[in-house]
Amino acid sequence: MGVSISDSIIVVGAGARGLSVALHLSLRGYTNVSVFAKDDYIPSGDLTNVYRAAQDAGVQFSLGKQVDQVAYVSTLTGKKSAGIRTRNGFYPSSLVIIEAGAGASDSSEIGQSHAPNSLAIPLSCYTNSNSNSLVKYVPQTSSSVILLSANSVQSSKLSLVGPLVLDLLQATQQTAVEVQKVSQISPHPLSKL
């Protein structure tokens, strides 16, 4: 699944991880990035600066909107994200990125200001194969849902989360192009099989 720079991308959660991803996506040229957050404010401190930079870069914010569900459509290989649902309606998106939030035992400022996202809890059981990874595709979602890990992250590493998502998107796009090239080089026309 390739995500073009004009496709809709929704980031669920406006904590440090979510804001980092939104900012990095917009700086890389993605033009349709939105952030949904259940709180109607952005935590103070450095996050305010990242929020303002993301706004200046064109990221749209929907604060005070609790995301209730990731909506899916069925595909031949499983399911694919179609967008998100809130009490106010459905918002289509080619890619949904969910900030898992910090754990309850996290005593850091970030952990205290950003509780775990309820959407991430059922998805996290599918992504525990590599607990060291901060950014993971949720399996069986056609690379259309990314989970930002709930593992404790040192504040010095938070700026890495956005670039990790970009690396993941680029790797997926390269794989999609390679698969397309291989499928175009069929040694036998289908009519002769």
N, C-alpha and C. Protein backbone atom coordinates (compact mmCIF):
# COMPACT_ATOMS: atom_id res chain seq x y z
N MET A 1 0.85 -1.18 0.00
CA MET A 1 0.00 0.00 0.00
C MET A 1 0.88 1.23 0.00
N GLY A 2 0.86 2.01 -1.01
CA GLY A 2 1.61 3.25 -1.01
C GLY A 2 0.71 4.40 -0.61
N VAL A 3 1.25 5.31 0.17
CA VAL A 3 0.49 6.50 0.55
C VAL A 3 1.10 7.67 -0.21
N SER A 4 0.30 8.32 -1.04
CA SER A 4 0.82 9.46 -1.78
C SER A 4 0.83 10.70 -0.89
N ILE A 5 1.54 11.71 -1.31
CA ILE A 5 1.66 12.91 -0.47
C ILE A 5 0.34 13.66 -0.34
N SER A 6 -0.63 13.38 -1.21
CA SER A 6 -1.92 14.07 -1.11
C SER A 6 -2.99 13.22 -0.42
N ASP A 7 -2.70 11.95 -0.11
CA ASP A 7 -3.66 11.10 0.59
C ASP A 7 -3.91 11.61 2.00
N SER A 8 -5.11 11.35 2.48
CA SER A 8 -5.46 11.74 3.84
C SER A 8 -4.77 10.83 4.85
N ILE A 9 -4.09 11.45 5.82
CA ILE A 9 -3.44 10.72 6.91
C ILE A 9 -3.98 11.30 8.21
N ILE A 10 -4.49 10.42 9.07
CA ILE A 10 -5.01 10.86 10.37
C ILE A 10 -4.11 10.32 11.47
N VAL A 11 -3.67 11.22 12.34
CA VAL A 11 -2.91 10.87 13.53
C VAL A 11 -3.86 10.98 14.71
N VAL A 12 -4.00 9.90 15.47
CA VAL A 12 -4.88 9.89 16.64
C VAL A 12 -4.01 10.08 17.87
N GLY A 13 -4.12 11.23 18.51
CA GLY A 13 -3.34 11.55 19.70
C GLY A 13 -2.42 12.72 19.46
N ALA A 14 -2.46 13.69 20.35
CA ALA A 14 -1.65 14.90 20.21
C ALA A 14 -0.63 15.02 21.33
N GLY A 15 -0.07 13.87 21.71
CA GLY A 15 1.05 13.88 22.64
C GLY A 15 2.34 14.07 21.87
N ALA A 16 3.46 13.82 22.52
CA ALA A 16 4.76 14.04 21.89
C ALA A 16 4.94 13.20 20.64
N ARG A 17 4.54 11.92 20.69
CA ARG A 17 4.72 11.04 19.53
C ARG A 17 3.84 11.48 18.36
N GLY A 18 2.57 11.74 18.64
CA GLY A 18 1.64 12.15 17.58
C GLY A 18 2.04 13.46 16.93
N LEU A 19 2.43 14.43 17.74
CA LEU A 19 2.84 15.72 17.20
C LEU A 19 4.13 15.60 16.39
N SER A 20 5.06 14.76 16.85
CA SER A 20 6.30 14.55 16.11
C SER A 20 6.00 13.97 14.73
N VAL A 21 5.13 12.97 14.68
CA VAL A 21 4.78 12.35 13.41
C VAL A 21 4.10 13.34 12.48
N ALA A 22 3.12 14.08 13.00
CA ALA A 22 2.38 15.04 12.17
C ALA A 22 3.33 16.10 11.60
N LEU A 23 4.22 16.61 12.43
CA LEU A 23 5.16 17.63 11.98
C LEU A 23 6.10 17.07 10.91
N HIS A 24 6.67 15.90 11.14
CA HIS A 24 7.60 15.32 10.18
C HIS A 24 6.92 14.98 8.86
N LEU A 25 5.69 14.49 8.91
CA LEU A 25 4.96 14.20 7.67
C LEU A 25 4.75 15.47 6.86
N SER A 26 4.31 16.53 7.54
CA SER A 26 4.03 17.77 6.82
C SER A 26 5.32 18.40 6.28
N LEU A 27 6.41 18.30 7.03
CA LEU A 27 7.67 18.85 6.54
C LEU A 27 8.21 18.05 5.36
N ARG A 28 7.85 16.77 5.26
CA ARG A 28 8.28 15.93 4.16
C ARG A 28 7.39 16.11 2.93
N GLY A 29 6.33 16.94 3.04
CA GLY A 29 5.52 17.24 1.87
C GLY A 29 4.15 16.61 1.84
N TYR A 30 3.79 15.84 2.86
CA TYR A 30 2.43 15.29 2.92
C TYR A 30 1.47 16.44 3.22
N THR A 31 0.47 16.59 2.38
CA THR A 31 -0.35 17.81 2.40
C THR A 31 -1.71 17.65 3.06
N ASN A 32 -2.06 16.45 3.50
CA ASN A 32 -3.40 16.22 4.04
C ASN A 32 -3.30 15.47 5.37
N VAL A 33 -2.59 16.06 6.33
CA VAL A 33 -2.36 15.44 7.63
C VAL A 33 -3.27 16.10 8.66
N SER A 34 -4.01 15.28 9.41
CA SER A 34 -4.89 15.78 10.48
C SER A 34 -4.57 15.07 11.78
N VAL A 35 -4.69 15.79 12.87
CA VAL A 35 -4.49 15.22 14.20
C VAL A 35 -5.80 15.33 14.97
N PHE A 36 -6.25 14.21 15.51
CA PHE A 36 -7.45 14.19 16.36
C PHE A 36 -7.01 13.89 17.78
N ALA A 37 -7.54 14.65 18.74
CA ALA A 37 -7.19 14.45 20.13
C ALA A 37 -8.42 14.59 21.00
N LYS A 38 -8.53 13.73 22.01
CA LYS A 38 -9.71 13.79 22.88
C LYS A 38 -9.70 15.02 23.78
N ASP A 39 -8.52 15.49 24.14
CA ASP A 39 -8.44 16.71 24.95
C ASP A 39 -8.57 17.93 24.05
N ASP A 40 -9.09 19.01 24.61
CA ASP A 40 -9.25 20.22 23.80
C ASP A 40 -8.09 21.19 23.99
N TYR A 41 -6.95 20.65 24.41
CA TYR A 41 -5.75 21.47 24.59
C TYR A 41 -4.52 20.63 24.26
N ILE A 42 -3.42 21.30 24.03
CA ILE A 42 -2.13 20.65 23.80
C ILE A 42 -1.32 20.82 25.09
N PRO A 43 -0.67 19.74 25.57
CA PRO A 43 0.15 19.89 26.78
C PRO A 43 1.17 21.02 26.62
N SER A 44 1.51 21.64 27.72
CA SER A 44 2.39 22.81 27.68
C SER A 44 3.85 22.39 27.50
N GLY A 45 4.71 23.37 27.51
CA GLY A 45 6.15 23.13 27.38
C GLY A 45 6.57 23.02 25.93
N ASP A 46 7.52 22.13 25.67
CA ASP A 46 8.05 21.96 24.32
C ASP A 46 6.98 21.52 23.33
N LEU A 47 5.95 20.80 23.81
CA LEU A 47 4.91 20.32 22.90
C LEU A 47 4.13 21.47 22.27
N THR A 48 4.02 22.57 22.97
CA THR A 48 3.34 23.74 22.40
C THR A 48 4.09 24.24 21.18
N ASN A 49 5.42 24.24 21.25
CA ASN A 49 6.23 24.67 20.11
C ASN A 49 6.07 23.73 18.92
N VAL A 50 6.04 22.42 19.19
CA VAL A 50 5.86 21.44 18.11
C VAL A 50 4.47 21.60 17.50
N TYR A 51 3.46 21.81 18.34
CA TYR A 51 2.09 22.03 17.87
C TYR A 51 2.02 23.24 16.94
N ARG A 52 2.62 24.34 17.35
CA ARG A 52 2.61 25.55 16.51
C ARG A 52 3.36 25.34 15.20
N ALA A 53 4.49 24.64 15.26
CA ALA A 53 5.26 24.37 14.04
C ALA A 53 4.45 23.48 13.09
N ALA A 54 3.74 22.49 13.64
CA ALA A 54 2.91 21.61 12.81
C ALA A 54 1.76 22.39 12.18
N GLN A 55 1.14 23.27 12.96
CA GLN A 55 0.07 24.14 12.42
C GLN A 55 0.61 24.99 11.28
N ASP A 56 1.76 25.60 11.50
CA ASP A 56 2.37 26.44 10.47
C ASP A 56 2.71 25.65 9.21
N ALA A 57 3.00 24.35 9.39
CA ALA A 57 3.35 23.49 8.25
C ALA A 57 2.11 22.94 7.54
N GLY A 58 0.92 23.27 8.05
CA GLY A 58 -0.31 22.87 7.36
C GLY A 58 -1.09 21.73 7.99
N VAL A 59 -0.65 21.22 9.13
CA VAL A 59 -1.38 20.15 9.80
C VAL A 59 -2.68 20.71 10.36
N GLN A 60 -3.79 19.98 10.14
CA GLN A 60 -5.10 20.37 10.67
C GLN A 60 -5.30 19.67 12.02
N PHE A 61 -5.86 20.39 12.99
CA PHE A 61 -6.09 19.83 14.32
C PHE A 61 -7.56 19.81 14.64
N SER A 62 -8.03 18.67 15.15
CA SER A 62 -9.39 18.52 15.66
C SER A 62 -9.27 18.15 17.12
N LEU A 63 -9.20 19.18 17.97
CA LEU A 63 -9.03 18.97 19.40
C LEU A 63 -10.41 18.79 20.05
N GLY A 64 -10.43 18.02 21.11
CA GLY A 64 -11.68 17.77 21.81
C GLY A 64 -12.58 16.78 21.07
N LYS A 65 -12.01 15.98 20.17
CA LYS A 65 -12.78 14.98 19.43
C LYS A 65 -12.24 13.59 19.75
N GLN A 66 -12.98 12.87 20.55
CA GLN A 66 -12.62 11.51 20.91
C GLN A 66 -12.84 10.59 19.72
N VAL A 67 -11.81 9.86 19.31
CA VAL A 67 -11.93 8.88 18.24
C VAL A 67 -12.43 7.58 18.86
N ASP A 68 -13.58 7.12 18.40
CA ASP A 68 -14.20 5.94 18.98
C ASP A 68 -13.81 4.65 18.27
N GLN A 69 -13.44 4.75 17.00
CA GLN A 69 -13.22 3.53 16.25
C GLN A 69 -12.39 3.80 14.99
N VAL A 70 -11.56 2.84 14.65
CA VAL A 70 -10.95 2.83 13.33
C VAL A 70 -11.89 2.02 12.45
N ALA A 71 -12.29 2.59 11.32
CA ALA A 71 -13.21 1.90 10.40
C ALA A 71 -12.39 1.18 9.34
N TYR A 72 -12.84 -0.02 8.99
CA TYR A 72 -12.13 -0.84 8.02
C TYR A 72 -13.04 -1.23 6.87
N VAL A 73 -12.43 -1.54 5.74
CA VAL A 73 -13.12 -2.18 4.63
C VAL A 73 -12.43 -3.52 4.39
N SER A 74 -13.18 -4.49 3.92
CA SER A 74 -12.62 -5.81 3.64
C SER A 74 -11.86 -5.79 2.33
N THR A 75 -10.75 -6.52 2.30
CA THR A 75 -9.97 -6.70 1.08
C THR A 75 -9.75 -8.19 0.89
N LEU A 76 -9.14 -8.57 -0.19
CA LEU A 76 -8.86 -9.99 -0.44
C LEU A 76 -7.90 -10.57 0.59
N THR A 77 -7.04 -9.73 1.15
CA THR A 77 -6.03 -10.22 2.09
C THR A 77 -6.34 -9.87 3.54
N GLY A 78 -7.51 -9.40 3.83
CA GLY A 78 -7.85 -9.06 5.21
C GLY A 78 -8.69 -7.80 5.28
N LYS A 79 -8.12 -6.76 5.87
CA LYS A 79 -8.85 -5.51 5.99
C LYS A 79 -7.91 -4.33 5.77
N LYS A 80 -8.51 -3.19 5.50
CA LYS A 80 -7.75 -1.97 5.27
C LYS A 80 -8.50 -0.82 5.94
N SER A 81 -7.74 0.07 6.53
CA SER A 81 -8.37 1.22 7.18
C SER A 81 -9.09 2.09 6.15
N ALA A 82 -10.31 2.49 6.51
CA ALA A 82 -11.07 3.42 5.67
C ALA A 82 -11.11 4.80 6.30
N GLY A 83 -10.75 4.89 7.59
CA GLY A 83 -10.79 6.16 8.30
C GLY A 83 -11.12 5.94 9.76
N ILE A 84 -11.66 6.99 10.38
CA ILE A 84 -12.01 6.92 11.81
C ILE A 84 -13.44 7.39 12.02
N ARG A 85 -13.97 6.97 13.17
CA ARG A 85 -15.31 7.42 13.57
C ARG A 85 -15.21 8.14 14.91
N THR A 86 -15.90 9.26 14.99
CA THR A 86 -16.07 9.98 16.25
C THR A 86 -17.58 10.13 16.47
N ARG A 87 -17.97 10.72 17.58
CA ARG A 87 -19.40 10.99 17.81
C ARG A 87 -19.96 11.91 16.73
N ASN A 88 -19.09 12.73 16.18
CA ASN A 88 -19.53 13.73 15.20
C ASN A 88 -19.58 13.21 13.77
N GLY A 89 -19.09 11.98 13.53
CA GLY A 89 -19.15 11.47 12.18
C GLY A 89 -17.96 10.63 11.78
N PHE A 90 -17.90 10.37 10.47
CA PHE A 90 -16.85 9.55 9.88
C PHE A 90 -15.87 10.45 9.13
N TYR A 91 -14.57 10.16 9.28
CA TYR A 91 -13.52 10.92 8.61
C TYR A 91 -12.67 9.94 7.81
N PRO A 92 -12.74 9.97 6.48
CA PRO A 92 -11.98 9.02 5.67
C PRO A 92 -10.48 9.30 5.72
N SER A 93 -9.71 8.21 5.59
CA SER A 93 -8.26 8.34 5.63
C SER A 93 -7.61 7.11 5.02
N SER A 94 -6.54 7.33 4.26
CA SER A 94 -5.78 6.22 3.68
C SER A 94 -4.88 5.56 4.71
N LEU A 95 -4.47 6.32 5.71
CA LEU A 95 -3.57 5.81 6.74
C LEU A 95 -3.98 6.40 8.08
N VAL A 96 -4.07 5.54 9.10
CA VAL A 96 -4.38 5.97 10.46
C VAL A 96 -3.17 5.63 11.33
N ILE A 97 -2.68 6.62 12.05
CA ILE A 97 -1.53 6.44 12.94
C ILE A 97 -2.01 6.71 14.35
N ILE A 98 -1.88 5.71 15.22
CA ILE A 98 -2.43 5.81 16.58
C ILE A 98 -1.30 5.92 17.58
N GLU A 99 -1.36 6.98 18.37
CA GLU A 99 -0.39 7.17 19.44
C GLU A 99 -0.87 6.37 20.64
N ALA A 100 -0.07 5.39 21.04
CA ALA A 100 -0.48 4.52 22.14
C ALA A 100 -0.46 5.26 23.47
N GLY A 101 0.36 6.27 23.61
CA GLY A 101 0.43 7.00 24.87
C GLY A 101 1.37 6.32 25.85
N ALA A 102 1.60 6.99 26.93
CA ALA A 102 2.51 6.46 27.95
C ALA A 102 1.73 5.59 28.92
N GLY A 103 2.43 4.64 29.51
CA GLY A 103 1.79 3.75 30.47
C GLY A 103 1.50 4.45 31.78
N ALA A 104 0.58 3.87 32.54
CA ALA A 104 0.18 4.46 33.82
C ALA A 104 1.34 4.53 34.80
N SER A 105 2.30 3.60 34.66
CA SER A 105 3.44 3.60 35.58
C SER A 105 4.51 4.60 35.20
N ASP A 106 4.34 5.24 34.08
CA ASP A 106 5.33 6.22 33.61
C ASP A 106 5.18 7.49 34.44
N SER A 107 6.23 7.84 35.17
CA SER A 107 6.16 9.00 36.06
C SER A 107 6.69 10.27 35.40
N SER A 108 7.07 10.19 34.13
CA SER A 108 7.60 11.37 33.47
C SER A 108 6.48 12.38 33.21
N GLU A 109 6.88 13.59 32.87
CA GLU A 109 5.89 14.63 32.56
C GLU A 109 5.01 14.22 31.39
N ILE A 110 5.64 13.58 30.39
CA ILE A 110 4.88 13.13 29.23
C ILE A 110 3.91 12.04 29.63
N GLY A 111 4.38 11.09 30.46
CA GLY A 111 3.52 10.00 30.90
C GLY A 111 2.33 10.50 31.70
N GLN A 112 2.53 11.50 32.52
CA GLN A 112 1.45 12.02 33.34
C GLN A 112 0.47 12.85 32.53
N SER A 113 0.93 13.48 31.47
CA SER A 113 0.05 14.35 30.71
C SER A 113 -0.67 13.64 29.57
N HIS A 114 -0.29 12.39 29.29
CA HIS A 114 -0.90 11.71 28.15
C HIS A 114 -1.17 10.26 28.51
N ALA A 115 -2.42 9.94 28.78
CA ALA A 115 -2.82 8.58 29.16
C ALA A 115 -2.86 7.69 27.92
N PRO A 116 -2.84 6.37 28.13
CA PRO A 116 -2.90 5.45 26.99
C PRO A 116 -4.17 5.67 26.16
N ASN A 117 -4.06 5.54 24.86
CA ASN A 117 -5.19 5.69 23.96
C ASN A 117 -5.98 4.39 23.95
N SER A 118 -7.28 4.47 24.19
CA SER A 118 -8.09 3.26 24.27
C SER A 118 -8.14 2.51 22.94
N LEU A 119 -7.96 3.19 21.81
CA LEU A 119 -7.92 2.51 20.52
C LEU A 119 -6.69 1.62 20.40
N ALA A 120 -5.60 2.05 21.02
CA ALA A 120 -4.33 1.33 20.86
C ALA A 120 -4.30 0.05 21.68
N ILE A 121 -5.07 -0.03 22.76
CA ILE A 121 -5.00 -1.20 23.65
C ILE A 121 -5.34 -2.49 22.91
N PRO A 122 -6.48 -2.59 22.21
CA PRO A 122 -6.74 -3.86 21.51
C PRO A 122 -5.79 -4.12 20.35
N LEU A 123 -5.23 -3.07 19.75
CA LEU A 123 -4.32 -3.26 18.63
C LEU A 123 -2.93 -3.68 19.10
N SER A 124 -2.55 -3.25 20.30
CA SER A 124 -1.18 -3.49 20.76
C SER A 124 -0.89 -4.97 20.93
N CYS A 125 -1.90 -5.79 21.20
CA CYS A 125 -1.65 -7.23 21.37
C CYS A 125 -1.19 -7.86 20.06
N TYR A 126 -1.46 -7.21 18.92
CA TYR A 126 -1.04 -7.74 17.63
C TYR A 126 0.35 -7.26 17.24
N THR A 127 0.93 -6.36 17.98
CA THR A 127 2.20 -5.75 17.58
C THR A 127 3.30 -5.98 18.59
N ASN A 128 3.13 -6.91 19.50
CA ASN A 128 4.10 -7.11 20.56
C ASN A 128 5.29 -7.98 20.16
N SER A 129 5.38 -8.39 18.90
CA SER A 129 6.46 -9.29 18.50
C SER A 129 7.83 -8.65 18.66
N ASN A 130 7.93 -7.34 18.52
CA ASN A 130 9.20 -6.65 18.71
C ASN A 130 8.97 -5.48 19.64
N SER A 131 9.15 -5.71 20.91
CA SER A 131 8.84 -4.68 21.90
C SER A 131 9.79 -3.50 21.85
N ASN A 132 10.92 -3.64 21.13
CA ASN A 132 11.86 -2.53 21.03
C ASN A 132 11.49 -1.54 19.95
N SER A 133 10.58 -1.91 19.08
CA SER A 133 10.20 -1.04 17.98
C SER A 133 9.24 0.02 18.47
N LEU A 134 9.49 1.27 18.09
CA LEU A 134 8.63 2.38 18.51
C LEU A 134 7.49 2.59 17.52
N VAL A 135 7.63 2.10 16.31
CA VAL A 135 6.67 2.33 15.23
C VAL A 135 6.40 1.00 14.53
N LYS A 136 5.12 0.58 14.50
CA LYS A 136 4.80 -0.72 13.93
C LYS A 136 3.52 -0.64 13.11
N TYR A 137 3.52 -1.35 11.99
CA TYR A 137 2.26 -1.56 11.29
C TYR A 137 1.45 -2.58 12.08
N VAL A 138 0.15 -2.38 12.14
CA VAL A 138 -0.71 -3.38 12.76
C VAL A 138 -0.92 -4.47 11.72
N PRO A 139 -0.61 -5.72 12.07
CA PRO A 139 -0.75 -6.81 11.10
C PRO A 139 -2.18 -6.94 10.58
N GLN A 140 -2.29 -7.43 9.36
CA GLN A 140 -3.56 -7.72 8.70
C GLN A 140 -4.42 -6.48 8.48
N THR A 141 -3.77 -5.33 8.33
CA THR A 141 -4.50 -4.10 7.99
C THR A 141 -3.97 -3.48 6.71
N SER A 142 -3.37 -4.30 5.85
CA SER A 142 -2.84 -3.85 4.56
C SER A 142 -1.94 -2.63 4.70
N SER A 143 -1.14 -2.60 5.74
CA SER A 143 -0.24 -1.48 6.00
C SER A 143 -0.97 -0.14 6.02
N SER A 144 -2.18 -0.15 6.58
CA SER A 144 -2.97 1.09 6.62
C SER A 144 -3.18 1.61 8.04
N VAL A 145 -2.64 0.90 9.04
CA VAL A 145 -2.72 1.36 10.43
C VAL A 145 -1.34 1.20 11.05
N ILE A 146 -0.84 2.28 11.64
CA ILE A 146 0.45 2.27 12.33
C ILE A 146 0.19 2.55 13.80
N LEU A 147 0.87 1.80 14.66
CA LEU A 147 0.78 2.01 16.10
C LEU A 147 2.10 2.56 16.60
N LEU A 148 2.04 3.70 17.29
CA LEU A 148 3.22 4.27 17.92
C LEU A 148 3.32 3.65 19.30
N SER A 149 4.43 3.02 19.60
CA SER A 149 4.56 2.17 20.77
C SER A 149 4.27 2.90 22.08
N ALA A 150 3.72 2.12 23.02
CA ALA A 150 3.47 2.63 24.37
C ALA A 150 4.69 2.49 25.25
N ASN A 151 5.75 1.88 24.73
CA ASN A 151 6.96 1.72 25.54
C ASN A 151 7.48 3.08 25.98
N SER A 152 8.04 3.11 27.17
CA SER A 152 8.62 4.37 27.64
C SER A 152 9.75 4.79 26.71
N VAL A 153 9.72 6.03 26.33
CA VAL A 153 10.74 6.56 25.44
C VAL A 153 11.37 7.77 26.11
N GLN A 154 12.70 7.81 26.12
CA GLN A 154 13.36 8.98 26.67
C GLN A 154 12.99 10.19 25.83
N SER A 155 12.81 11.32 26.49
CA SER A 155 12.40 12.51 25.75
C SER A 155 13.39 12.87 24.65
N SER A 156 14.66 12.49 24.82
CA SER A 156 15.65 12.78 23.79
C SER A 156 15.40 11.97 22.52
N LYS A 157 14.65 10.87 22.62
CA LYS A 157 14.37 10.03 21.46
C LYS A 157 13.01 10.32 20.82
N LEU A 158 12.22 11.18 21.42
CA LEU A 158 10.88 11.43 20.88
C LEU A 158 10.92 12.02 19.48
N SER A 159 11.94 12.81 19.20
CA SER A 159 12.03 13.41 17.86
C SER A 159 12.34 12.37 16.80
N LEU A 160 12.72 11.15 17.21
CA LEU A 160 13.00 10.09 16.25
C LEU A 160 11.73 9.42 15.73
N VAL A 161 10.61 9.55 16.44
CA VAL A 161 9.40 8.83 16.09
C VAL A 161 8.88 9.26 14.72
N GLY A 162 8.85 10.56 14.46
CA GLY A 162 8.41 11.05 13.16
C GLY A 162 9.25 10.49 12.02
N PRO A 163 10.59 10.58 12.08
CA PRO A 163 11.41 10.01 11.02
C PRO A 163 11.25 8.49 10.88
N LEU A 164 10.99 7.78 11.98
CA LEU A 164 10.79 6.34 11.89
C LEU A 164 9.53 6.02 11.09
N VAL A 165 8.47 6.81 11.27
CA VAL A 165 7.25 6.62 10.48
C VAL A 165 7.54 6.89 9.01
N LEU A 166 8.28 7.95 8.72
CA LEU A 166 8.63 8.25 7.33
C LEU A 166 9.44 7.11 6.70
N ASP A 167 10.39 6.55 7.47
CA ASP A 167 11.17 5.42 6.98
C ASP A 167 10.28 4.22 6.68
N LEU A 168 9.32 3.97 7.57
CA LEU A 168 8.40 2.86 7.38
C LEU A 168 7.54 3.05 6.14
N LEU A 169 7.04 4.27 5.94
CA LEU A 169 6.24 4.56 4.75
C LEU A 169 7.07 4.39 3.48
N GLN A 170 8.30 4.87 3.50
CA GLN A 170 9.16 4.77 2.33
C GLN A 170 9.48 3.30 2.02
N ALA A 171 9.76 2.50 3.06
CA ALA A 171 10.06 1.09 2.85
C ALA A 171 8.86 0.37 2.25
N THR A 172 7.66 0.70 2.70
CA THR A 172 6.45 0.07 2.18
C THR A 172 6.22 0.47 0.74
N GLN A 173 6.48 1.73 0.41
CA GLN A 173 6.30 2.18 -0.97
C GLN A 173 7.29 1.49 -1.90
N GLN A 174 8.52 1.30 -1.45
CA GLN A 174 9.52 0.62 -2.27
C GLN A 174 9.12 -0.83 -2.49
N THR A 175 8.61 -1.49 -1.44
CA THR A 175 8.16 -2.87 -1.57
C THR A 175 6.99 -2.97 -2.54
N ALA A 176 6.06 -2.01 -2.47
CA ALA A 176 4.91 -2.02 -3.38
C ALA A 176 5.36 -1.85 -4.83
N VAL A 177 6.34 -0.99 -5.06
CA VAL A 177 6.86 -0.79 -6.42
C VAL A 177 7.55 -2.06 -6.91
N GLU A 178 8.32 -2.71 -6.04
CA GLU A 178 9.01 -3.94 -6.42
C GLU A 178 8.02 -5.04 -6.77
N VAL A 179 6.96 -5.18 -5.97
CA VAL A 179 5.93 -6.19 -6.24
C VAL A 179 5.26 -5.89 -7.57
N GLN A 180 4.97 -4.62 -7.83
CA GLN A 180 4.33 -4.24 -9.08
C GLN A 180 5.23 -4.58 -10.28
N LYS A 181 6.53 -4.30 -10.15
CA LYS A 181 7.46 -4.60 -11.23
C LYS A 181 7.53 -6.10 -11.49
N VAL A 182 7.57 -6.90 -10.43
CA VAL A 182 7.64 -8.34 -10.58
C VAL A 182 6.36 -8.86 -11.24
N SER A 183 5.22 -8.33 -10.86
CA SER A 183 3.96 -8.80 -11.43
C SER A 183 3.84 -8.42 -12.91
N GLN A 184 4.54 -7.38 -13.33
CA GLN A 184 4.50 -6.98 -14.74
C GLN A 184 5.42 -7.83 -15.60
N ILE A 185 6.31 -8.57 -14.98
CA ILE A 185 7.26 -9.40 -15.72
C ILE A 185 6.79 -10.85 -15.63
N SER A 186 5.61 -11.12 -16.09
CA SER A 186 5.09 -12.48 -16.07
C SER A 186 5.62 -13.21 -17.30
N PRO A 187 6.28 -14.38 -17.12
CA PRO A 187 6.87 -15.08 -18.26
C PRO A 187 5.81 -15.67 -19.20
N HIS A 188 4.61 -15.90 -18.70
CA HIS A 188 3.56 -16.51 -19.51
C HIS A 188 2.32 -15.62 -19.48
N PRO A 189 1.84 -15.20 -20.62
CA PRO A 189 0.57 -14.46 -20.62
C PRO A 189 -0.53 -15.31 -20.01
N LEU A 190 -1.42 -14.68 -19.27
CA LEU A 190 -2.50 -15.41 -18.61
C LEU A 190 -3.35 -16.18 -19.60
N SER A 191 -3.49 -15.70 -20.84
CA SER A 191 -4.32 -16.37 -21.82
C SER A 191 -3.76 -17.73 -22.23
N LYS A 192 -2.47 -17.95 -22.01
CA LYS A 192 -1.85 -19.24 -22.40
C LYS A 192 -1.82 -20.22 -21.25
N LEU A 193 -2.21 -19.81 -20.06
CA LEU A 193 -2.16 -20.72 -18.90
C LEU A 193 -3.38 -21.58 -18.82
